[in-house]
Amino acid sequence: MGRKGVFPVSMADMVSHNSLHHIRLFYAAYFAAMGVVLPFFPVWLAGRGMDVAAIGVFTGLLSVAKVIAPPVAGHALDHHPRPGRFIVVASLAAGGMVFAFPWASSDWLLAVLVLGFGFLWAAVLPLTDGLSVSVSERASVEYGRLRVWGSIGFVAASLLGGVWLADSHAAGLPYWLAVLMLLCATSARGFPDRHIEPEPVAGSLSGVPSGLLWLLLAGFLMQASHGAYYGFFSLYLLQAGYSGWQVGCFWVLGVLAEIVLMWRFSGPISKAAPGVVLSLCLLLASIRWLGMGLSTALVWLLLLQLLHAASFAAFHINAITWVQRLAPPHRRASAQGWYSACGFGLGTALGIMGCGWIATQAGGADDFSSAFMVCAGIALLGVGAGLRLPRESRA
């Protein structure tokens, strides 16, 4: 029996309540930073005097980092029992780089700092996700109830950031990000150790399972299908006549649906077969994007936003869990890195760029409804990949 405050696991691999609080705090701080970067980093760049083209290049550097950093960091730390140490150092370094943004004497130096920050920032999340899934299986705590604090942090930062930006304080963006990176580093100091499986002996079969490859493809297609939503949903609503505060409410509604699902249904979703959950999520995502392309009526959009619980939250919980299960035990950190790179890196970047191109091809006017239609087709294509995954809860 474990002593009070400690889950009953092996003596060499105990997970305390305190270490779980550290994981929750990390997620809250990390996604609070994301809630500041996504809407307000372009505003900060504009305040520096950059035009739209330059802003696109600098925000694109963060996307490049999301493709490269996760698999590199995962491969380097596959056999390290204490990924928290790397996360502490990487978070501190990222905080130092973002703190130096205002002092960059040229755009070239700023580009180096932005890419360095993006690389370090992107590297730590898949490592934390993999550790959280491992902890959830060892300590009987649901992964979604750890990850949900990231969604809460994102909402809080987005709302507070809107008030802050309205007060013309956008110049302080790098300093707030530096504080959040410091908070990430502080929380990572309390991360538990990770159980490391031994490297297979020479000559044994240790290749990448085909199921994992289908999961990576499904993740790529799901995130690519979000291109119109992540890139142009706000502009689409503004074109339809909605006000700025209404647009914000639509975004918050989607995240609230995500929070409810993670908190209430994380356990059953993480245990369910990926062939069932991921295929259904992709089908619902296709319906969501098709509906948005067909109509911008208020009640219709409100209902469709609730599907964010499926297209992001349920898909993410099940996929992250099954990456851990399908990957070779000695390559789990690498697998989480590749999942992040394929989906949140490459999938998101190509999806947004492709939807931007599609939207500008309709007679010179932005036609975001066509982009949503294409995204519906991409998600439907992903259903085929999802159906190739295990349809039983035990792989």
Protein backbone atom coordinates (compact mmCIF):
# COMPACT_ATOMS: atom_id res chain seq x y z
CA MET A 1 0.00 0.00 0.00
CA GLY A 2 1.24 3.49 -0.79
CA ARG A 3 1.49 6.03 1.97
CA LYS A 4 -1.05 8.87 2.17
CA GLY A 5 -0.73 11.29 -0.73
CA VAL A 6 1.03 8.77 -2.93
CA PHE A 7 -0.56 6.42 -5.46
CA PRO A 8 0.19 2.71 -4.88
CA VAL A 9 2.65 1.93 -7.62
CA SER A 10 6.09 0.35 -7.59
CA MET A 11 8.54 1.70 -5.05
CA ALA A 12 10.90 2.75 -7.84
CA ASP A 13 8.22 4.62 -9.75
CA MET A 14 5.92 6.49 -7.40
CA VAL A 15 3.67 9.27 -8.64
CA SER A 16 2.66 11.75 -5.96
CA HIS A 17 -0.33 14.07 -5.89
CA ASN A 18 2.14 16.94 -5.85
CA SER A 19 3.73 15.83 -9.13
CA LEU A 20 0.26 15.73 -10.74
CA HIS A 21 -0.31 19.32 -9.61
CA HIS A 22 2.96 20.24 -11.31
CA ILE A 23 1.73 18.70 -14.58
CA ARG A 24 -1.57 20.61 -14.31
CA LEU A 25 0.30 23.86 -13.67
CA PHE A 26 2.56 23.25 -16.65
CA TYR A 27 -0.39 22.73 -18.99
CA ALA A 28 -2.11 25.88 -17.67
CA ALA A 29 1.02 28.00 -18.17
CA TYR A 30 1.94 26.49 -21.55
CA PHE A 31 -1.46 26.98 -23.11
CA ALA A 32 -1.86 30.39 -21.51
CA ALA A 33 1.23 31.29 -23.53
CA MET A 34 -0.47 29.86 -26.62
CA GLY A 35 -3.57 31.92 -25.82
CA VAL A 36 -1.37 35.00 -25.95
CA VAL A 37 0.81 34.07 -28.93
CA LEU A 38 -1.88 33.04 -31.42
CA PRO A 39 -4.00 36.21 -31.35
CA PHE A 40 -1.50 38.85 -30.23
CA PHE A 41 1.94 37.98 -31.62
CA PRO A 42 0.94 39.35 -35.06
CA VAL A 43 -0.26 42.52 -33.29
CA TRP A 44 3.10 42.89 -31.57
CA LEU A 45 4.91 42.44 -34.89
CA ALA A 46 2.69 45.09 -36.49
CA GLY A 47 3.57 47.44 -33.65
CA ARG A 48 7.21 46.91 -34.58
CA GLY A 49 6.38 48.29 -38.03
CA MET A 50 6.15 45.09 -40.07
CA ASP A 51 3.85 44.71 -43.05
CA VAL A 52 1.49 41.78 -43.60
CA ALA A 53 4.00 39.79 -45.65
CA ALA A 54 6.68 40.06 -42.97
CA ILE A 55 4.21 39.14 -40.24
CA GLY A 56 3.32 36.03 -42.22
CA VAL A 57 6.99 35.04 -42.42
CA PHE A 58 7.60 35.47 -38.70
CA THR A 59 4.46 33.59 -37.64
CA GLY A 60 5.43 30.92 -40.17
CA LEU A 61 8.72 30.42 -38.32
CA LEU A 62 6.73 29.13 -35.34
CA SER A 63 5.01 26.62 -37.64
CA VAL A 64 8.37 25.46 -38.99
CA ALA A 65 9.56 24.89 -35.43
CA LYS A 66 6.49 22.72 -34.70
CA VAL A 67 7.43 20.43 -37.58
CA ILE A 68 11.12 20.03 -36.69
CA ALA A 69 11.43 20.30 -32.92
CA PRO A 70 9.11 17.58 -31.51
CA PRO A 71 10.60 14.53 -33.30
CA VAL A 72 14.16 15.77 -32.75
CA ALA A 73 13.60 16.26 -29.02
CA GLY A 74 11.68 12.99 -28.75
CA HIS A 75 14.44 11.01 -30.43
CA ALA A 76 17.07 12.58 -28.19
CA LEU A 77 15.13 11.79 -25.01
CA ASP A 78 13.70 8.36 -25.83
CA HIS A 79 15.92 6.74 -23.23
CA HIS A 80 16.00 9.54 -20.64
CA PRO A 81 14.08 8.73 -17.43
CA ARG A 82 13.76 12.38 -16.41
CA PRO A 83 12.38 14.45 -19.31
CA GLY A 84 11.41 17.09 -16.77
CA ARG A 85 15.04 18.20 -16.59
CA PHE A 86 15.11 18.97 -20.31
CA ILE A 87 11.73 20.71 -20.07
CA VAL A 88 13.04 22.96 -17.28
CA VAL A 89 16.13 23.98 -19.29
CA ALA A 90 14.22 24.39 -22.56
CA SER A 91 11.52 26.51 -20.91
CA LEU A 92 14.07 28.76 -19.25
CA ALA A 93 15.95 29.19 -22.54
CA ALA A 94 12.69 29.91 -24.38
CA GLY A 95 11.84 32.53 -21.77
CA GLY A 96 15.23 34.17 -22.20
CA MET A 97 14.83 34.32 -25.98
CA VAL A 98 11.34 35.78 -25.91
CA PHE A 99 12.43 38.32 -23.28
CA ALA A 100 15.08 39.48 -25.76
CA PHE A 101 12.56 40.09 -28.59
CA PRO A 102 12.22 43.85 -27.97
CA TRP A 103 15.98 44.29 -27.90
CA ALA A 104 16.63 42.69 -31.27
CA SER A 105 18.48 45.32 -33.33
CA SER A 106 17.40 43.90 -36.70
CA ASP A 107 14.69 41.73 -38.20
CA TRP A 108 17.30 39.06 -38.94
CA LEU A 109 18.27 38.82 -35.27
CA LEU A 110 14.60 38.78 -34.31
CA ALA A 111 14.01 35.92 -36.77
CA VAL A 112 16.76 33.87 -35.08
CA LEU A 113 15.24 34.54 -31.66
CA VAL A 114 11.72 33.69 -32.84
CA LEU A 115 12.87 30.43 -34.43
CA GLY A 116 14.87 29.50 -31.32
CA PHE A 117 11.93 30.28 -29.06
CA GLY A 118 9.56 28.33 -31.32
CA PHE A 119 11.88 25.31 -31.41
CA LEU A 120 12.19 25.11 -27.63
CA TRP A 121 8.51 25.90 -27.04
CA ALA A 122 7.35 23.22 -29.47
CA ALA A 123 9.76 20.58 -28.16
CA VAL A 124 8.47 20.40 -24.60
CA LEU A 125 4.74 19.76 -25.16
CA PRO A 126 4.89 16.25 -26.74
CA LEU A 127 7.32 15.18 -24.01
CA THR A 128 4.84 16.35 -21.38
CA ASP A 129 1.95 14.66 -23.17
CA GLY A 130 3.83 11.36 -23.30
CA LEU A 131 4.74 11.65 -19.62
CA SER A 132 1.13 12.51 -18.74
CA VAL A 133 -0.24 9.45 -20.55
CA SER A 134 2.33 7.26 -18.83
CA VAL A 135 1.44 8.78 -15.47
CA SER A 136 -2.28 8.38 -16.12
CA GLU A 137 -1.86 4.66 -16.74
CA ARG A 138 0.36 4.15 -13.70
CA ALA A 139 -1.57 6.31 -11.23
CA SER A 140 -5.18 5.75 -12.35
CA VAL A 141 -5.72 9.44 -13.15
CA GLU A 142 -7.34 10.41 -16.44
CA TYR A 143 -5.09 12.13 -18.99
CA GLY A 144 -7.92 14.47 -19.98
CA ARG A 145 -8.25 15.75 -16.43
CA LEU A 146 -4.59 16.73 -16.53
CA ARG A 147 -4.71 18.23 -20.04
CA VAL A 148 -7.95 20.16 -19.39
CA TRP A 149 -6.00 22.71 -17.35
CA GLY A 150 -4.30 23.74 -20.57
CA SER A 151 -7.69 24.58 -22.08
CA ILE A 152 -8.60 26.56 -18.97
CA GLY A 153 -5.32 28.46 -19.17
CA PHE A 154 -5.89 29.17 -22.86
CA VAL A 155 -9.35 30.65 -22.24
CA ALA A 156 -8.15 32.75 -19.30
CA ALA A 157 -5.17 34.12 -21.23
CA SER A 158 -7.25 34.86 -24.33
CA LEU A 159 -9.86 36.81 -22.33
CA LEU A 160 -7.32 38.67 -20.20
CA GLY A 161 -5.17 39.28 -23.27
CA GLY A 162 -8.13 40.89 -25.04
CA VAL A 163 -8.57 43.34 -22.17
CA TRP A 164 -4.82 43.99 -22.06
CA LEU A 165 -4.61 44.55 -25.81
CA ALA A 166 -7.59 46.91 -25.68
CA ASP A 167 -5.59 49.00 -23.26
CA SER A 168 -2.78 49.32 -25.85
CA HIS A 169 -0.27 47.29 -23.85
CA ALA A 170 0.71 44.95 -26.67
CA ALA A 171 4.34 46.06 -26.35
CA GLY A 172 4.56 44.04 -23.14
CA LEU A 173 3.79 40.75 -24.91
CA PRO A 174 7.36 39.33 -24.75
CA TYR A 175 7.64 39.99 -21.02
CA TRP A 176 4.37 38.22 -20.23
CA LEU A 177 5.48 35.27 -22.34
CA ALA A 178 8.79 35.17 -20.49
CA VAL A 179 6.92 34.98 -17.18
CA LEU A 180 4.78 32.11 -18.46
CA MET A 181 7.89 30.25 -19.68
CA LEU A 182 9.41 30.70 -16.22
CA LEU A 183 6.23 29.22 -14.75
CA CYS A 184 6.53 26.25 -17.14
CA ALA A 185 10.10 25.67 -15.98
CA THR A 186 9.12 25.93 -12.32
CA SER A 187 6.30 23.43 -12.71
CA ALA A 188 8.47 20.97 -14.67
CA ARG A 189 10.86 20.73 -11.74
CA GLY A 190 8.24 18.64 -9.99
CA PHE A 191 7.59 16.19 -12.84
CA PRO A 192 7.82 12.49 -11.94
CA ASP A 193 10.37 10.19 -13.50
CA ARG A 194 9.44 8.10 -16.52
CA HIS A 195 9.68 4.35 -16.75
CA ILE A 196 12.06 3.44 -19.60
CA GLU A 197 11.74 0.17 -21.48
CA PRO A 198 15.01 -1.53 -22.44
CA GLU A 199 16.26 -1.35 -26.03
CA PRO A 200 15.38 -4.52 -27.98
CA VAL A 201 18.28 -6.89 -28.52
CA ALA A 202 19.99 -6.86 -31.89
CA GLY A 203 18.10 -8.76 -34.54
CA SER A 204 14.67 -8.42 -32.91
CA LEU A 205 11.75 -6.89 -34.77
CA SER A 206 11.51 -3.26 -33.68
CA GLY A 207 10.12 -1.45 -36.72
CA VAL A 208 7.30 1.10 -36.70
CA PRO A 209 3.90 -0.65 -36.42
CA SER A 210 1.58 0.01 -39.36
CA GLY A 211 -1.14 1.05 -36.91
CA LEU A 212 1.03 3.92 -35.71
CA LEU A 213 1.58 5.11 -39.28
CA TRP A 214 -2.18 5.13 -39.93
CA LEU A 215 -2.66 7.08 -36.70
CA LEU A 216 -0.09 9.68 -37.79
CA LEU A 217 -1.90 10.02 -41.13
CA ALA A 218 -5.25 10.41 -39.38
CA GLY A 219 -3.75 13.11 -37.14
CA PHE A 220 -2.29 14.93 -40.12
CA LEU A 221 -5.62 14.91 -42.00
CA MET A 222 -7.61 16.01 -38.95
CA GLN A 223 -5.37 18.99 -38.31
CA ALA A 224 -5.20 19.88 -42.00
CA SER A 225 -9.00 19.91 -42.03
CA HIS A 226 -8.88 22.59 -39.33
CA GLY A 227 -7.05 24.96 -41.71
CA ALA A 228 -10.04 27.13 -42.55
CA TYR A 229 -11.13 27.20 -38.91
CA TYR A 230 -7.79 28.07 -37.30
CA GLY A 231 -6.76 30.43 -40.07
CA PHE A 232 -9.91 32.22 -41.16
CA PHE A 233 -12.91 31.51 -38.92
CA SER A 234 -12.76 34.97 -37.34
CA LEU A 235 -12.56 36.71 -40.73
CA TYR A 236 -15.39 34.51 -42.01
CA LEU A 237 -17.63 35.59 -39.13
CA LEU A 238 -16.73 39.26 -39.51
CA GLN A 239 -17.62 39.05 -43.20
CA ALA A 240 -20.96 37.55 -42.18
CA GLY A 241 -21.71 40.60 -40.04
CA TYR A 242 -20.81 39.40 -36.55
CA SER A 243 -19.13 41.82 -34.16
CA GLY A 244 -15.76 41.32 -32.55
CA TRP A 245 -17.17 40.28 -29.16
CA GLN A 246 -19.49 37.79 -30.85
CA VAL A 247 -16.52 36.24 -32.67
CA GLY A 248 -14.76 35.86 -29.33
CA CYS A 249 -17.81 34.15 -27.85
CA PHE A 250 -17.84 31.61 -30.68
CA TRP A 251 -14.20 30.71 -29.96
CA VAL A 252 -14.81 30.45 -26.21
CA LEU A 253 -17.85 28.21 -26.77
CA GLY A 254 -15.71 25.75 -28.71
CA VAL A 255 -13.09 25.61 -25.96
CA LEU A 256 -15.76 25.24 -23.27
CA ALA A 257 -17.15 22.21 -25.11
CA GLU A 258 -13.59 20.86 -25.18
CA ILE A 259 -13.20 21.42 -21.43
CA VAL A 260 -16.46 19.65 -20.57
CA LEU A 261 -15.56 16.60 -22.63
CA MET A 262 -12.05 16.36 -21.21
CA TRP A 263 -13.30 16.64 -17.66
CA ARG A 264 -16.30 14.31 -17.89
CA PHE A 265 -15.50 11.71 -20.53
CA SER A 266 -11.70 11.44 -20.75
CA GLY A 267 -11.53 7.96 -19.23
CA PRO A 268 -13.90 6.11 -21.55
CA ILE A 269 -12.53 7.90 -24.62
CA SER A 270 -8.90 7.07 -23.82
CA LYS A 271 -9.80 3.40 -23.34
CA ALA A 272 -11.95 3.06 -26.47
CA ALA A 273 -10.62 1.61 -29.72
CA PRO A 274 -9.04 4.24 -32.03
CA GLY A 275 -10.65 2.75 -35.11
CA VAL A 276 -14.02 3.70 -33.63
CA VAL A 277 -13.28 6.99 -31.86
CA LEU A 278 -10.98 8.60 -34.42
CA SER A 279 -13.16 7.64 -37.39
CA LEU A 280 -16.25 9.04 -35.69
CA CYS A 281 -14.41 12.25 -34.74
CA LEU A 282 -13.25 12.73 -38.33
CA LEU A 283 -16.79 12.15 -39.60
CA LEU A 284 -18.18 14.72 -37.15
CA ALA A 285 -15.41 17.14 -38.15
CA SER A 286 -16.45 16.74 -41.78
CA ILE A 287 -20.05 17.55 -40.83
CA ARG A 288 -18.83 20.56 -38.84
CA TRP A 289 -16.84 22.07 -41.71
CA LEU A 290 -19.57 21.32 -44.26
CA GLY A 291 -22.12 23.04 -42.04
CA MET A 292 -19.94 26.11 -41.62
CA GLY A 293 -19.43 26.33 -45.36
CA LEU A 294 -23.18 26.15 -46.00
CA SER A 295 -24.46 28.67 -43.46
CA THR A 296 -23.41 31.33 -40.94
CA ALA A 297 -26.77 31.46 -39.15
CA LEU A 298 -26.34 32.08 -35.41
CA VAL A 299 -28.09 28.98 -34.02
CA TRP A 300 -26.46 26.77 -36.66
CA LEU A 301 -22.94 28.01 -35.83
CA LEU A 302 -23.55 27.63 -32.09
CA LEU A 303 -24.47 23.98 -32.57
CA LEU A 304 -21.52 23.36 -34.86
CA GLN A 305 -19.09 24.89 -32.38
CA LEU A 306 -20.11 22.25 -29.84
CA LEU A 307 -18.56 19.70 -32.22
CA HIS A 308 -15.15 21.06 -31.21
CA ALA A 309 -15.50 18.55 -28.36
CA ALA A 310 -15.21 15.81 -31.00
CA SER A 311 -12.96 17.29 -33.69
CA PHE A 312 -10.32 18.32 -31.16
CA ALA A 313 -10.84 17.08 -27.58
CA ALA A 314 -12.03 13.49 -28.10
CA PHE A 315 -9.70 12.98 -31.06
CA HIS A 316 -6.69 14.33 -29.15
CA ILE A 317 -7.30 12.29 -26.00
CA ASN A 318 -7.72 9.03 -27.88
CA ALA A 319 -4.88 9.69 -30.33
CA ILE A 320 -2.31 10.72 -27.71
CA THR A 321 -3.17 7.66 -25.63
CA TRP A 322 -2.90 5.27 -28.56
CA VAL A 323 0.35 6.75 -29.82
CA GLN A 324 1.75 5.64 -26.48
CA ARG A 325 0.24 2.17 -26.85
CA LEU A 326 1.09 1.51 -30.49
CA ALA A 327 4.64 2.88 -30.43
CA PRO A 328 7.54 0.55 -29.57
CA PRO A 329 8.11 0.96 -25.81
CA HIS A 330 11.64 2.29 -26.33
CA ARG A 331 10.44 4.86 -28.93
CA ARG A 332 7.46 6.47 -27.21
CA ALA A 333 8.97 9.93 -26.89
CA SER A 334 9.87 9.88 -30.60
CA ALA A 335 6.36 8.73 -31.49
CA GLN A 336 4.74 11.57 -29.54
CA GLY A 337 7.09 13.98 -31.28
CA TRP A 338 6.18 12.67 -34.71
CA TYR A 339 2.47 12.84 -33.91
CA SER A 340 2.84 16.49 -32.89
CA ALA A 341 4.96 17.30 -35.95
CA CYS A 342 2.64 15.57 -38.43
CA GLY A 343 -0.56 17.00 -36.99
CA PHE A 344 -0.05 20.28 -35.15
CA GLY A 345 3.01 21.18 -37.21
CA LEU A 346 2.74 20.06 -40.82
CA GLY A 347 -1.02 19.46 -40.90
CA THR A 348 -1.94 22.83 -39.43
CA ALA A 349 0.57 24.75 -41.57
CA LEU A 350 -0.43 23.14 -44.86
CA GLY A 351 -4.11 23.38 -43.96
CA ILE A 352 -3.98 27.10 -43.27
CA MET A 353 -1.82 27.89 -46.30
CA GLY A 354 -3.96 25.74 -48.58
CA CYS A 355 -7.20 27.27 -47.34
CA GLY A 356 -5.76 30.75 -47.81
CA TRP A 357 -4.99 29.92 -51.43
CA ILE A 358 -8.44 28.40 -51.99
CA ALA A 359 -10.18 31.42 -50.47
CA THR A 360 -8.45 33.84 -52.84
CA GLN A 361 -9.34 31.95 -56.03
CA ALA A 362 -13.04 32.93 -56.16
CA GLY A 363 -13.03 35.91 -58.49
CA GLY A 364 -10.52 37.89 -56.48
CA ALA A 365 -12.70 37.90 -53.35
CA ASP A 366 -12.09 35.87 -50.23
CA ASP A 367 -14.43 32.86 -50.33
CA PHE A 368 -13.95 31.11 -47.01
CA SER A 369 -17.07 29.00 -47.50
CA SER A 370 -15.25 27.14 -50.29
CA ALA A 371 -12.29 26.56 -47.98
CA PHE A 372 -14.58 25.01 -45.36
CA MET A 373 -16.07 22.74 -48.03
CA VAL A 374 -12.59 21.49 -48.96
CA CYS A 375 -11.79 20.94 -45.28
CA ALA A 376 -14.93 18.81 -45.00
CA GLY A 377 -13.56 16.61 -47.79
CA ILE A 378 -10.16 16.34 -46.09
CA ALA A 379 -11.75 15.19 -42.82
CA LEU A 380 -13.89 12.68 -44.69
CA LEU A 381 -10.73 11.34 -46.33
CA GLY A 382 -9.27 10.89 -42.85
CA VAL A 383 -12.09 8.52 -41.93
CA GLY A 384 -10.46 5.96 -44.23
CA ALA A 385 -7.21 6.20 -42.27
CA GLY A 386 -9.09 5.93 -38.99
CA LEU A 387 -10.83 2.75 -40.07
CA ARG A 388 -7.42 1.08 -40.57
CA LEU A 389 -6.73 1.39 -36.83
CA PRO A 390 -7.61 -1.24 -34.22
CA ARG A 391 -11.35 -1.53 -33.60
CA GLU A 392 -10.97 -3.25 -30.27
CA SER A 393 -9.84 -1.54 -27.10
CA ARG A 394 -6.86 -3.91 -26.74
CA ALA A 395 -4.22 -3.62 -29.48
